[in-house]
Amino acid sequence: MSLMITDECINCDVCEPECPNGAISQGDEIYVIDPNLCTECVGHFDTPQCRGVCPVDCIPNDPSHVETPEQLQEKYQRLSGLIG
């Protein structure tokens, strides 16, 4: 499942550079996560890196983008060019 950033975000800028897929960007008011690019760091790390650095704990799972670990792995492979 993709992650999301809630309105508790304080725009501290620490999550964006941690994302290995470039899924995090500045939105209109707070940072946002592109669900098409978010793999919860599957394929790169054991845990989502953005969550580890977030000082306010505002990065939960996105219930509108539910994915299995297998789907996240396939997305990682597709984004990495490992599969077409």
N, C-alpha and C. Protein backbone atom coordinates (compact mmCIF):
# COMPACT_ATOMS: atom_id res chain seq x y z
N MET A 1 0.86 -1.17 0.00
CA MET A 1 0.00 0.00 0.00
C MET A 1 0.89 1.22 0.00
N SER A 2 0.50 2.18 -0.71
CA SER A 2 1.23 3.43 -0.77
C SER A 2 1.06 4.18 0.55
N LEU A 3 1.95 5.10 0.78
CA LEU A 3 1.86 5.95 1.97
C LEU A 3 1.26 7.28 1.59
N MET A 4 0.87 8.06 2.60
CA MET A 4 0.34 9.39 2.37
C MET A 4 0.86 10.31 3.46
N ILE A 5 0.81 11.60 3.23
CA ILE A 5 1.23 12.58 4.22
C ILE A 5 -0.02 13.34 4.66
N THR A 6 -0.23 13.39 5.96
CA THR A 6 -1.43 14.04 6.49
C THR A 6 -1.18 15.53 6.73
N ASP A 7 -2.25 16.24 7.07
CA ASP A 7 -2.14 17.69 7.26
C ASP A 7 -1.40 18.08 8.53
N GLU A 8 -0.91 17.09 9.29
CA GLU A 8 -0.04 17.40 10.43
C GLU A 8 1.37 17.74 9.96
N CYS A 9 1.65 17.56 8.67
CA CYS A 9 2.96 17.85 8.08
C CYS A 9 3.36 19.29 8.40
N ILE A 10 4.61 19.46 8.83
CA ILE A 10 5.12 20.80 9.17
C ILE A 10 6.07 21.33 8.10
N ASN A 11 6.12 20.67 6.94
CA ASN A 11 6.98 21.10 5.84
C ASN A 11 8.44 21.24 6.25
N CYS A 12 8.93 20.26 6.98
CA CYS A 12 10.31 20.33 7.47
C CYS A 12 11.34 19.95 6.41
N ASP A 13 10.89 19.39 5.30
CA ASP A 13 11.75 19.06 4.16
C ASP A 13 12.64 17.83 4.34
N VAL A 14 12.47 17.05 5.40
CA VAL A 14 13.39 15.93 5.59
C VAL A 14 12.97 14.66 4.85
N CYS A 15 11.69 14.51 4.53
CA CYS A 15 11.23 13.28 3.89
C CYS A 15 11.58 13.21 2.41
N GLU A 16 11.46 14.31 1.72
CA GLU A 16 11.63 14.31 0.26
C GLU A 16 12.95 13.69 -0.21
N PRO A 17 14.10 14.11 0.34
CA PRO A 17 15.35 13.52 -0.17
C PRO A 17 15.56 12.06 0.25
N GLU A 18 14.79 11.56 1.19
CA GLU A 18 14.94 10.17 1.64
C GLU A 18 14.25 9.17 0.72
N CYS A 19 13.32 9.63 -0.11
CA CYS A 19 12.55 8.72 -0.96
C CYS A 19 13.38 8.24 -2.15
N PRO A 20 13.66 6.94 -2.23
CA PRO A 20 14.46 6.43 -3.34
C PRO A 20 13.74 6.42 -4.68
N ASN A 21 12.42 6.59 -4.66
CA ASN A 21 11.64 6.57 -5.90
C ASN A 21 11.23 7.95 -6.38
N GLY A 22 11.57 8.99 -5.63
CA GLY A 22 11.14 10.33 -6.01
C GLY A 22 9.65 10.53 -5.90
N ALA A 23 9.00 9.79 -4.99
CA ALA A 23 7.54 9.84 -4.86
C ALA A 23 7.06 11.04 -4.05
N ILE A 24 7.94 11.69 -3.30
CA ILE A 24 7.53 12.78 -2.42
C ILE A 24 7.90 14.12 -3.07
N SER A 25 6.92 15.02 -3.07
CA SER A 25 7.16 16.37 -3.61
C SER A 25 6.35 17.39 -2.82
N GLN A 26 6.71 18.64 -2.99
CA GLN A 26 5.98 19.71 -2.31
C GLN A 26 4.64 19.91 -3.01
N GLY A 27 3.57 19.83 -2.23
CA GLY A 27 2.23 20.08 -2.76
C GLY A 27 1.87 21.54 -2.56
N ASP A 28 0.61 21.87 -2.70
CA ASP A 28 0.16 23.25 -2.53
C ASP A 28 0.42 23.78 -1.12
N GLU A 29 0.16 22.93 -0.13
CA GLU A 29 0.33 23.37 1.26
C GLU A 29 1.29 22.50 2.04
N ILE A 30 1.31 21.21 1.77
CA ILE A 30 2.19 20.28 2.46
C ILE A 30 2.81 19.34 1.43
N TYR A 31 3.76 18.54 1.88
CA TYR A 31 4.34 17.54 0.99
C TYR A 31 3.30 16.48 0.66
N VAL A 32 3.44 15.87 -0.51
CA VAL A 32 2.52 14.84 -0.97
C VAL A 32 3.32 13.64 -1.48
N ILE A 33 2.67 12.49 -1.50
CA ILE A 33 3.30 11.26 -2.01
C ILE A 33 2.51 10.78 -3.21
N ASP A 34 3.21 10.56 -4.32
CA ASP A 34 2.59 10.04 -5.54
C ASP A 34 2.42 8.53 -5.36
N PRO A 35 1.18 8.04 -5.28
CA PRO A 35 0.97 6.60 -5.06
C PRO A 35 1.49 5.74 -6.21
N ASN A 36 1.66 6.32 -7.38
CA ASN A 36 2.18 5.56 -8.52
C ASN A 36 3.68 5.32 -8.41
N LEU A 37 4.35 6.08 -7.54
CA LEU A 37 5.80 5.93 -7.36
C LEU A 37 6.18 5.34 -6.01
N CYS A 38 5.26 5.38 -5.04
CA CYS A 38 5.57 4.90 -3.69
C CYS A 38 5.52 3.37 -3.63
N THR A 39 6.62 2.77 -3.16
CA THR A 39 6.68 1.32 -2.95
C THR A 39 6.92 1.01 -1.47
N GLU A 40 6.75 2.00 -0.60
CA GLU A 40 7.08 1.84 0.83
C GLU A 40 8.53 1.41 0.98
N CYS A 41 9.36 1.79 0.04
CA CYS A 41 10.79 1.49 -0.01
C CYS A 41 11.09 0.02 -0.27
N VAL A 42 10.06 -0.77 -0.63
CA VAL A 42 10.28 -2.17 -1.02
C VAL A 42 11.27 -2.18 -2.18
N GLY A 43 12.25 -3.06 -2.08
CA GLY A 43 13.29 -3.16 -3.11
C GLY A 43 14.51 -2.32 -2.79
N HIS A 44 14.35 -1.34 -1.92
CA HIS A 44 15.46 -0.47 -1.54
C HIS A 44 15.86 -0.67 -0.08
N PHE A 45 14.87 -0.65 0.82
CA PHE A 45 15.11 -0.71 2.26
C PHE A 45 14.06 -1.61 2.92
N ASP A 46 14.32 -2.00 4.16
CA ASP A 46 13.39 -2.85 4.90
C ASP A 46 12.18 -2.08 5.42
N THR A 47 12.32 -0.77 5.61
CA THR A 47 11.24 0.06 6.13
C THR A 47 11.16 1.36 5.34
N PRO A 48 10.00 2.00 5.33
CA PRO A 48 9.87 3.28 4.64
C PRO A 48 10.78 4.34 5.27
N GLN A 49 11.66 4.89 4.47
CA GLN A 49 12.64 5.85 4.97
C GLN A 49 12.01 7.17 5.38
N CYS A 50 10.96 7.58 4.71
CA CYS A 50 10.31 8.86 5.06
C CYS A 50 9.74 8.81 6.48
N ARG A 51 9.18 7.68 6.84
CA ARG A 51 8.63 7.53 8.19
C ARG A 51 9.73 7.63 9.25
N GLY A 52 10.88 7.09 8.95
CA GLY A 52 11.97 7.09 9.90
C GLY A 52 12.51 8.46 10.23
N VAL A 53 12.38 9.40 9.28
CA VAL A 53 12.92 10.74 9.52
C VAL A 53 11.85 11.76 9.89
N CYS A 54 10.60 11.42 9.74
CA CYS A 54 9.50 12.37 10.00
C CYS A 54 9.42 12.69 11.50
N PRO A 55 9.57 13.97 11.87
CA PRO A 55 9.54 14.32 13.28
C PRO A 55 8.14 14.39 13.89
N VAL A 56 7.10 14.38 13.06
CA VAL A 56 5.74 14.51 13.60
C VAL A 56 4.87 13.29 13.34
N ASP A 57 5.42 12.24 12.78
CA ASP A 57 4.69 10.99 12.57
C ASP A 57 3.39 11.22 11.78
N CYS A 58 3.53 11.82 10.59
CA CYS A 58 2.35 12.14 9.79
C CYS A 58 2.31 11.38 8.46
N ILE A 59 2.91 10.17 8.43
CA ILE A 59 2.97 9.40 7.18
C ILE A 59 2.37 8.00 7.39
N PRO A 60 1.04 7.91 7.39
CA PRO A 60 0.38 6.60 7.54
C PRO A 60 0.23 5.91 6.18
N ASN A 61 -0.29 4.69 6.22
CA ASN A 61 -0.67 4.00 4.99
C ASN A 61 -1.84 4.74 4.36
N ASP A 62 -1.88 4.73 3.05
CA ASP A 62 -2.97 5.38 2.31
C ASP A 62 -4.05 4.34 2.03
N PRO A 63 -5.18 4.41 2.74
CA PRO A 63 -6.22 3.39 2.56
C PRO A 63 -6.85 3.38 1.18
N SER A 64 -6.66 4.42 0.40
CA SER A 64 -7.24 4.44 -0.94
C SER A 64 -6.30 3.82 -1.98
N HIS A 65 -5.11 3.39 -1.55
CA HIS A 65 -4.15 2.75 -2.46
C HIS A 65 -3.56 1.50 -1.80
N VAL A 66 -4.39 0.50 -1.60
CA VAL A 66 -3.98 -0.74 -0.95
C VAL A 66 -3.24 -1.63 -1.94
N GLU A 67 -2.04 -2.08 -1.55
CA GLU A 67 -1.24 -2.97 -2.38
C GLU A 67 -0.59 -4.03 -1.48
N THR A 68 -0.45 -5.22 -2.03
CA THR A 68 0.21 -6.31 -1.31
C THR A 68 1.73 -6.12 -1.42
N PRO A 69 2.49 -6.80 -0.56
CA PRO A 69 3.95 -6.75 -0.71
C PRO A 69 4.41 -7.19 -2.11
N GLU A 70 3.72 -8.17 -2.68
CA GLU A 70 4.07 -8.63 -4.02
C GLU A 70 3.82 -7.53 -5.06
N GLN A 71 2.73 -6.80 -4.93
CA GLN A 71 2.45 -5.70 -5.85
C GLN A 71 3.47 -4.58 -5.70
N LEU A 72 3.89 -4.31 -4.47
CA LEU A 72 4.91 -3.28 -4.23
C LEU A 72 6.24 -3.71 -4.85
N GLN A 73 6.57 -4.99 -4.73
CA GLN A 73 7.81 -5.50 -5.33
C GLN A 73 7.76 -5.38 -6.85
N GLU A 74 6.61 -5.70 -7.43
CA GLU A 74 6.46 -5.58 -8.88
C GLU A 74 6.55 -4.12 -9.32
N LYS A 75 5.97 -3.21 -8.54
CA LYS A 75 6.06 -1.79 -8.86
C LYS A 75 7.51 -1.32 -8.80
N TYR A 76 8.24 -1.76 -7.75
CA TYR A 76 9.66 -1.43 -7.64
C TYR A 76 10.42 -1.90 -8.87
N GLN A 77 10.17 -3.15 -9.30
CA GLN A 77 10.86 -3.69 -10.45
C GLN A 77 10.53 -2.91 -11.72
N ARG A 78 9.27 -2.53 -11.87
CA ARG A 78 8.85 -1.74 -13.03
C ARG A 78 9.51 -0.36 -13.02
N LEU A 79 9.50 0.30 -11.85
CA LEU A 79 10.11 1.63 -11.74
C LEU A 79 11.61 1.58 -11.95
N SER A 80 12.24 0.47 -11.57
CA SER A 80 13.69 0.32 -11.69
C SER A 80 14.11 -0.17 -13.07
N GLY A 81 13.14 -0.46 -13.91
CA GLY A 81 13.45 -0.94 -15.26
C GLY A 81 13.86 -2.41 -15.29
N LEU A 82 13.58 -3.13 -14.21
CA LEU A 82 13.93 -4.55 -14.15
C LEU A 82 12.94 -5.41 -14.91
N ILE A 83 11.70 -4.89 -15.07
CA ILE A 83 10.69 -5.55 -15.90
C ILE A 83 10.01 -4.48 -16.75
N GLY A 84 9.48 -4.89 -17.88
CA GLY A 84 8.86 -3.93 -18.80
C GLY A 84 7.45 -3.63 -18.54
